Amino acid sequence: MKKTIISIILVFMLILSSTAALAQKTGTLNVYSEVSGVQLYVDENFIGEGTTLNFSTSAGSHYLKAVKNGKIIHSEVVTINEGETTTVVIKGTTEKEHGNIGLGLNLAPIAYGISGKFWFKPIGLQLTIYPYTSDLFSLTHFGGRFLYLLNDSPDADLYLGFGIGSATVSSGDLEVSWPISEMQLVLGFEGPMGAKEVTWCIETGYTQYTYQGDYLSGTSGGLLLGLGFHYYF
C-alpha cells in the first residue's frame, strides 16, 4: 500500500514538473501594423488581422508574414525567447492601391497620344491613338505595346515594353499619303504622383520607322525618351 502511494505521488510530481517545463518554453509575440487590413500569419497559420497582441507560441524561430490583397507586404523570421515578449512593427508604405486600368496621355514614339494601360500583372497591354489635323496635313496614328513587369515596387514599377505602330500622313494639296510602320523596345519606370491613382512614367529605348510612299521611303531609327501620365481606376 505504501509503495502504491509513493508511486502515485512520484507520477503526480512528474506530471507537474513536465507541465511546468512545457509552460516555460513559450513566449509572446506582439505585432503592431501601420498598414490597415493586413492578415498576419505565423508559420503559415493565421493569427489575426491588423495589430495583434499577446500571441503565445513556442520558444524558438518562427516565420512571420503580413498579407494584404493576396500579396505579401512584409515577412521576417522572428526569435521568440522563453518567457519573454517579442515585438514587431510593420511599417506603412506608399503602396499602390489603384486599379488595373489606366487612362492618360503618353509622349513617346509609338505610344504617344491618348493612352490606355491594362495590367494583368506581370503582363500588361497598352493601346494609343493620336489624330491630328492642320491646314497643311493630317496624321492618324495607332500604337500598341506588350508590357512585362520586371519589378513591382511601392515607389516605382520597372517594366519592359515591345510595341508596334502605324501612322498615315496625308496632304490634301499634294494628294499624297505616306504610310509609316514602327517597332519599339523600351525600358520604363512608373510611380505614383501624390494621389495613388495618378502615375507618371519615364521611358527610354529604341524605335525604328519604315516609310513608304511616292515622295518618301526608307528606314530610320534612334534612341527615344518618353514621358506619360495615367489615371488608374
Protein backbone atom coordinates (compact mmCIF):
# COMPACT_ATOMS: atom_id res chain seq x y z
CA MET A 1 0.00 0.00 0.00
CA LYS A 2 2.79 2.33 0.99
CA LYS A 3 4.60 1.62 -2.31
CA THR A 4 1.44 2.34 -4.28
CA ILE A 5 1.00 5.73 -2.60
CA ILE A 6 4.64 6.61 -3.21
CA SER A 7 4.32 5.60 -6.86
CA ILE A 8 1.21 7.78 -7.28
CA ILE A 9 2.97 10.74 -5.67
CA LEU A 10 6.01 10.31 -7.93
CA VAL A 11 3.85 10.12 -11.07
CA PHE A 12 1.90 13.20 -9.98
CA MET A 13 5.14 15.15 -9.34
CA LEU A 14 6.48 14.04 -12.72
CA ILE A 15 3.34 15.34 -14.45
CA LEU A 16 3.59 18.66 -12.63
CA SER A 17 7.27 19.08 -13.49
CA SER A 18 6.63 18.20 -17.16
CA THR A 19 3.74 20.69 -17.35
CA ALA A 20 5.88 23.41 -15.76
CA ALA A 21 8.72 22.67 -18.16
CA LEU A 22 6.39 22.92 -21.15
CA ALA A 23 4.88 26.17 -19.85
CA GLN A 24 8.32 27.73 -19.53
CA LYS A 25 9.19 27.00 -23.14
CA THR A 26 6.79 29.57 -24.60
CA GLY A 27 6.97 33.27 -25.31
CA THR A 28 4.71 36.06 -26.55
CA LEU A 29 4.60 37.91 -29.86
CA ASN A 30 3.19 41.42 -30.33
CA VAL A 31 2.71 42.69 -33.90
CA TYR A 32 1.90 46.37 -34.49
CA SER A 33 0.80 47.23 -38.03
CA GLU A 34 0.74 50.70 -39.60
CA VAL A 35 -0.97 49.20 -42.66
CA SER A 36 -4.69 48.63 -42.33
CA GLY A 37 -6.37 45.39 -43.31
CA VAL A 38 -3.28 43.15 -43.23
CA GLN A 39 -3.60 39.49 -42.34
CA LEU A 40 -0.90 38.05 -40.09
CA TYR A 41 0.48 34.51 -40.26
CA VAL A 42 3.00 32.70 -38.08
CA ASP A 43 4.44 29.56 -39.66
CA GLU A 44 1.62 29.79 -42.27
CA ASN A 45 -1.05 29.77 -39.54
CA PHE A 46 -3.40 32.77 -39.41
CA ILE A 47 -3.13 34.63 -36.07
CA GLY A 48 -5.13 37.82 -36.66
CA GLU A 49 -5.79 40.92 -38.73
CA GLY A 50 -4.05 44.25 -38.15
CA THR A 51 -2.33 44.85 -34.82
CA THR A 52 -2.23 41.58 -32.88
CA LEU A 53 -1.07 41.40 -29.26
CA ASN A 54 -0.17 38.67 -26.77
CA PHE A 55 0.08 35.82 -29.25
CA SER A 56 1.58 32.91 -27.33
CA THR A 57 3.83 30.48 -29.17
CA SER A 58 6.71 28.14 -28.53
CA ALA A 59 10.20 29.49 -27.98
CA GLY A 60 12.47 29.46 -31.00
CA SER A 61 12.45 30.77 -34.56
CA HIS A 62 9.17 31.40 -36.39
CA TYR A 63 8.26 32.75 -39.82
CA LEU A 64 6.03 35.83 -39.67
CA LYS A 65 4.35 37.30 -42.74
CA ALA A 66 1.80 40.04 -43.39
CA VAL A 67 -0.53 39.72 -46.39
CA LYS A 68 -2.76 42.34 -47.98
CA ASN A 69 -4.95 41.79 -51.03
CA GLY A 70 -3.27 38.44 -51.57
CA LYS A 71 0.23 39.95 -51.64
CA ILE A 72 2.98 39.60 -49.03
CA ILE A 73 3.92 43.11 -47.90
CA HIS A 74 6.20 42.08 -45.02
CA SER A 75 7.96 38.90 -43.93
CA GLU A 76 10.71 38.01 -41.50
CA VAL A 77 11.97 35.29 -39.19
CA VAL A 78 11.37 36.23 -35.55
CA THR A 79 13.00 34.70 -32.50
CA ILE A 80 10.70 34.03 -29.54
CA ASN A 81 12.59 33.80 -26.26
CA GLU A 82 11.29 31.69 -23.41
CA GLY A 83 9.07 33.69 -21.06
CA GLU A 84 9.67 36.97 -22.97
CA THR A 85 7.73 39.20 -25.36
CA THR A 86 8.97 39.89 -28.89
CA THR A 87 7.64 42.98 -30.69
CA VAL A 88 7.46 43.52 -34.46
CA VAL A 89 6.34 46.73 -36.21
CA ILE A 90 5.05 46.59 -39.80
CA LYS A 91 5.72 49.99 -41.30
CA GLY A 92 3.28 51.76 -43.58
CA THR A 93 4.27 52.29 -47.20
CA THR A 94 3.16 54.36 -50.16
CA GLU A 95 1.71 51.15 -51.59
CA LYS A 96 -0.25 51.46 -54.80
CA GLU A 97 -3.90 50.68 -54.21
CA HIS A 98 -5.25 51.75 -57.59
CA GLY A 99 -6.98 49.55 -60.13
CA ASN A 100 -5.50 47.83 -63.15
CA ILE A 101 -6.91 50.11 -65.88
CA GLY A 102 -5.23 53.44 -66.58
CA LEU A 103 -6.21 56.20 -68.99
CA GLY A 104 -3.97 59.14 -69.80
CA LEU A 105 -1.51 60.75 -72.15
CA ASN A 106 1.79 59.38 -73.43
CA LEU A 107 4.54 61.42 -75.09
CA ALA A 108 6.77 58.87 -76.80
CA PRO A 109 7.07 57.30 -80.26
CA ILE A 110 4.55 54.51 -80.95
CA ALA A 111 2.81 55.06 -77.61
CA TYR A 112 2.04 58.74 -77.97
CA GLY A 113 -1.35 60.34 -77.76
CA ILE A 114 -4.36 59.18 -75.78
CA SER A 115 -3.21 56.09 -73.90
CA GLY A 116 -4.89 53.17 -72.17
CA LYS A 117 -2.99 50.71 -69.99
CA PHE A 118 -4.43 47.37 -68.94
CA TRP A 119 -2.47 45.37 -66.35
CA PHE A 120 -2.82 41.68 -65.61
CA LYS A 121 0.42 41.61 -63.64
CA PRO A 122 3.06 40.79 -64.56
CA ILE A 123 1.63 41.16 -68.11
CA GLY A 124 0.25 44.42 -69.47
CA LEU A 125 -1.17 45.87 -72.67
CA GLN A 126 -1.05 49.50 -73.82
CA LEU A 127 -3.08 50.98 -76.69
CA THR A 128 -2.77 54.53 -78.05
CA ILE A 129 -4.38 56.73 -80.67
CA TYR A 130 -3.40 60.19 -81.90
CA PRO A 131 -5.38 62.06 -84.56
CA TYR A 132 -4.04 65.43 -85.79
CA THR A 133 -5.26 67.77 -88.49
CA SER A 134 -3.89 71.10 -89.70
CA ASP A 135 -4.15 73.26 -92.81
CA LEU A 136 -1.08 71.53 -94.30
CA PHE A 137 -1.58 67.85 -93.48
CA SER A 138 -3.41 65.30 -91.35
CA LEU A 139 -1.98 62.49 -89.24
CA THR A 140 -3.64 59.41 -87.82
CA HIS A 141 -1.55 57.25 -85.52
CA PHE A 142 -2.29 53.95 -83.78
CA GLY A 143 0.08 52.13 -81.45
CA GLY A 144 0.19 49.14 -79.18
CA ARG A 145 2.60 47.60 -76.70
CA PHE A 146 3.01 44.41 -74.79
CA LEU A 147 4.32 45.19 -71.29
CA TYR A 148 6.10 42.93 -68.83
CA LEU A 149 6.59 43.95 -65.20
CA LEU A 150 10.15 43.32 -64.04
CA ASN A 151 9.83 44.73 -60.52
CA ASP A 152 6.70 45.72 -58.57
CA SER A 153 7.67 48.40 -56.04
CA PRO A 154 5.66 50.92 -53.95
CA ASP A 155 7.90 53.69 -55.28
CA ALA A 156 8.21 52.86 -58.99
CA ASP A 157 7.49 49.84 -61.17
CA LEU A 158 10.14 48.73 -63.65
CA TYR A 159 8.77 47.30 -66.89
CA LEU A 160 9.84 46.20 -70.35
CA GLY A 161 7.77 47.02 -73.40
CA PHE A 162 7.68 45.92 -77.02
CA GLY A 163 5.45 47.82 -79.39
CA ILE A 164 4.33 48.20 -82.95
CA GLY A 165 2.55 51.13 -84.51
CA SER A 166 1.32 52.59 -87.75
CA ALA A 167 0.62 56.08 -88.96
CA THR A 168 -0.64 57.71 -92.11
CA VAL A 169 0.35 61.24 -93.08
CA SER A 170 -1.65 62.78 -95.88
CA SER A 171 -1.76 66.15 -97.59
CA GLY A 172 -4.85 67.27 -99.44
CA ASP A 173 -2.96 69.81 -101.51
CA LEU A 174 -0.48 67.24 -102.84
CA GLU A 175 -2.96 64.36 -102.79
CA VAL A 176 -0.33 62.04 -101.33
CA SER A 177 -0.24 59.65 -98.39
CA TRP A 178 2.74 58.23 -96.52
CA PRO A 179 2.15 55.04 -94.51
CA ILE A 180 4.60 54.64 -91.63
CA SER A 181 5.20 51.44 -89.66
CA GLU A 182 7.12 51.32 -86.39
CA MET A 183 8.75 48.90 -83.97
CA GLN A 184 9.98 49.74 -80.50
CA LEU A 185 11.70 48.26 -77.44
CA VAL A 186 11.59 50.29 -74.21
CA LEU A 187 12.52 50.16 -70.55
CA GLY A 188 10.18 52.19 -68.36
CA PHE A 189 9.52 53.31 -64.81
CA GLU A 190 6.05 54.11 -63.44
CA GLY A 191 5.27 55.51 -59.99
CA PRO A 192 2.60 57.40 -58.03
CA MET A 193 2.20 61.20 -58.11
CA GLY A 194 0.90 62.02 -54.63
CA ALA A 195 -2.54 60.54 -55.24
CA LYS A 196 -2.15 56.78 -55.61
CA GLU A 197 -4.43 56.69 -58.65
CA VAL A 198 -2.31 59.14 -60.68
CA THR A 199 1.03 57.89 -62.02
CA TRP A 200 3.95 59.21 -64.02
CA CYS A 201 6.12 57.13 -66.32
CA ILE A 202 9.53 57.70 -67.89
CA GLU A 203 10.77 55.50 -70.74
CA THR A 204 13.89 55.03 -72.78
CA GLY A 205 14.57 52.66 -75.64
CA TYR A 206 14.96 52.28 -79.38
CA THR A 207 12.47 52.92 -82.19
CA GLN A 208 12.67 52.02 -85.87
CA TYR A 209 10.50 53.61 -88.58
CA THR A 210 9.77 52.41 -92.09
CA TYR A 211 8.33 54.96 -94.54
CA GLN A 212 6.57 54.08 -97.76
CA GLY A 213 5.32 56.48 -100.39
CA ASP A 214 5.87 58.12 -103.74
CA TYR A 215 7.82 61.03 -102.30
CA LEU A 216 9.31 59.46 -99.17
CA SER A 217 10.51 55.94 -98.46
CA GLY A 218 13.18 54.25 -96.37
CA THR A 219 14.02 53.18 -92.84
CA SER A 220 15.35 55.17 -89.90
CA GLY A 221 15.68 54.68 -86.16
CA GLY A 222 17.13 56.04 -82.98
CA LEU A 223 17.04 56.25 -79.21
CA LEU A 224 13.98 57.69 -77.54
CA LEU A 225 12.99 59.33 -74.27
CA GLY A 226 9.32 59.35 -73.36
CA LEU A 227 7.06 60.71 -70.64
CA GLY A 228 3.49 59.85 -69.69
CA PHE A 229 0.73 60.31 -67.13
CA HIS A 230 -2.18 57.97 -66.30
CA TYR A 231 -5.17 57.86 -64.01
CA TYR A 232 -5.96 54.37 -62.71
CA PHE A 233 -9.34 53.10 -61.61
